[in-house]
Structure formats: C-alpha cells, structure tokens
Amino acid sequence: MLTRPAVANEAEIDRRIKDVERKLAPDVAWIRYSLTLDSTGEQSIYFRIVLSDQASRQRRLRAVTEHVESELFEMIGFDEFGLNLYFNYRSRSEQAELKEPAWRPARS
C-alpha cells in the first residue's frame, strides 16, 4: 500500500503530468501512470507513454524519450514525493493495434 506523501498528493502529481503532456505535444500523444509498489516494496510510479508515430521513429526515439524523462523529472519533482520511476513507451500505431485499456487516453 502506498503511503504519504504520494497518495496525499496524487491530484498534484496528476496535474503536473498533464502539464508535461501538453508541453511535449505533438511528440507525446498522452501519458498514463500508476502509483504502486515496485518489486522491492518501494513506492513507485509506472509511466505508460504513448508517442506519436513520428516521434517513435528510430532516428528520433532516443532524443524524444530522454526529453520526456527529463521534463517529467524537472516538472514533477519526484524527490518531494519519494517515488521510484519506471518508463514504458509505445507508439500510437502500436496502441491502435494492441488496444490495451491501461494505455488508452483519458476521457476529457
């Protein structure tokens, strides 16, 4: 079970992630996440990041993912929440084919 401060600040974490999502568009289509314990029992956040097909191309992928992770580190301030971070990426095309509910965009 997650404890404070992550759970107490989940709304703030969500707001900051949405800010990053908007800032990095159109390369980032959307970002989903889960707050949970990792395999060592530490509080963690698992990101599911869907990139545009253009951003997912091999020649751009590394630069885009490094930029995404840098922005998330900077804007969210994970040290204040005490979370381990895990990043998973896929392209819009991959998600369209796989149709995994946990990776779907949020409804507005």
Protein backbone atom coordinates (compact mmCIF):
# COMPACT_ATOMS: atom_id res chain seq x y z
CA MET A 1 0.00 0.00 0.00
CA LEU A 2 1.24 3.46 -0.84
CA THR A 3 1.62 5.95 1.94
CA ARG A 4 2.04 9.66 2.15
CA PRO A 5 3.25 11.85 0.51
CA ALA A 6 2.48 10.20 -2.86
CA VAL A 7 -1.16 9.33 -2.19
CA ALA A 8 -1.87 12.61 -0.44
CA ASN A 9 -0.54 14.45 -3.47
CA GLU A 10 -1.93 12.31 -6.27
CA ALA A 11 -4.04 15.19 -7.63
CA GLU A 12 -0.94 17.40 -7.77
CA ILE A 13 1.08 14.66 -9.46
CA ASP A 14 -1.72 14.22 -12.00
CA ARG A 15 -1.84 17.96 -12.71
CA ARG A 16 1.91 18.12 -13.27
CA ILE A 17 1.86 15.12 -15.59
CA LYS A 18 -0.89 16.73 -17.66
CA ASP A 19 1.27 19.88 -17.90
CA VAL A 20 4.18 17.80 -19.22
CA GLU A 21 1.86 16.05 -21.67
CA ARG A 22 0.67 19.38 -23.07
CA LYS A 23 4.18 20.83 -23.20
CA LEU A 24 5.58 17.89 -25.16
CA ALA A 25 2.77 17.59 -27.70
CA PRO A 26 2.74 16.62 -30.54
CA ASP A 27 5.60 14.16 -29.82
CA VAL A 28 3.76 12.88 -26.74
CA ALA A 29 0.22 11.80 -27.54
CA TRP A 30 -0.66 11.04 -23.91
CA ILE A 31 0.78 9.85 -20.60
CA ARG A 32 -0.86 7.39 -18.23
CA TYR A 33 0.59 6.23 -14.94
CA SER A 34 0.06 4.02 -11.93
CA LEU A 35 1.15 4.69 -8.36
CA THR A 36 2.06 1.37 -6.76
CA LEU A 37 4.80 -0.55 -5.01
CA ASP A 38 7.63 -1.97 -7.10
CA SER A 39 9.11 -5.46 -6.69
CA THR A 40 11.24 -4.24 -3.77
CA GLY A 41 8.25 -2.79 -1.93
CA GLU A 42 9.21 0.82 -2.67
CA GLN A 43 6.64 3.44 -3.64
CA SER A 44 6.83 3.87 -7.39
CA ILE A 45 5.22 5.45 -10.39
CA TYR A 46 4.97 3.46 -13.61
CA PHE A 47 4.53 5.60 -16.72
CA ARG A 48 2.84 4.41 -19.89
CA ILE A 49 3.77 7.00 -22.50
CA VAL A 50 2.28 6.96 -25.99
CA LEU A 51 4.35 8.79 -28.57
CA SER A 52 3.34 10.00 -31.98
CA ASP A 53 4.41 7.69 -34.78
CA GLN A 54 6.82 10.40 -35.98
CA ALA A 55 8.49 10.65 -32.55
CA SER A 56 8.71 6.85 -32.37
CA ARG A 57 10.91 6.59 -35.44
CA GLN A 58 14.30 5.11 -34.73
CA ARG A 59 16.29 8.24 -35.56
CA ARG A 60 14.27 10.34 -33.08
CA LEU A 61 13.26 7.85 -30.43
CA ARG A 62 16.22 8.20 -28.08
CA ALA A 63 16.17 12.01 -28.10
CA VAL A 64 12.40 12.09 -27.57
CA THR A 65 12.42 9.62 -24.67
CA GLU A 66 15.33 11.42 -22.98
CA HIS A 67 13.43 14.71 -23.34
CA VAL A 68 10.23 13.20 -21.92
CA GLU A 69 12.03 11.75 -18.90
CA SER A 70 13.93 14.99 -18.30
CA GLU A 71 10.72 17.03 -18.36
CA LEU A 72 8.94 14.63 -16.02
CA PHE A 73 11.86 14.75 -13.56
CA GLU A 74 12.01 18.55 -13.70
CA MET A 75 8.31 19.41 -13.60
CA ILE A 76 7.12 16.81 -11.15
CA GLY A 77 9.85 16.95 -8.55
CA PHE A 78 9.79 13.28 -7.62
CA ASP A 79 12.16 13.76 -4.70
CA GLU A 80 9.40 15.54 -2.82
CA PHE A 81 7.10 12.53 -3.29
CA GLY A 82 9.71 9.81 -2.67
CA LEU A 83 8.88 7.69 -5.72
CA ASN A 84 10.92 5.34 -7.91
CA LEU A 85 10.26 5.93 -11.60
CA TYR A 86 9.64 3.42 -14.38
CA PHE A 87 9.05 4.36 -18.03
CA ASN A 88 7.35 2.35 -20.77
CA TYR A 89 6.77 3.68 -24.28
CA ARG A 90 4.77 2.75 -27.31
CA SER A 91 3.67 4.47 -30.49
CA ARG A 92 0.13 5.45 -31.38
CA SER A 93 0.17 2.74 -34.06
CA GLU A 94 1.19 0.09 -31.53
CA GLN A 95 -1.60 1.13 -29.17
CA ALA A 96 -4.12 1.18 -32.01
CA GLU A 97 -3.17 -2.42 -32.78
CA LEU A 98 -2.90 -3.69 -29.18
CA LYS A 99 -5.86 -1.72 -27.76
CA GLU A 100 -4.79 -2.21 -24.14
CA PRO A 101 -7.17 -0.36 -21.81
CA ALA A 102 -4.42 0.75 -19.40
CA TRP A 103 -2.74 2.57 -22.29
CA ARG A 104 -5.83 4.38 -23.61
CA PRO A 105 -6.05 8.17 -23.47
CA ALA A 106 -8.01 9.65 -20.59
CA ARG A 107 -11.50 10.84 -21.28
CA SER A 108 -11.96 14.56 -21.04
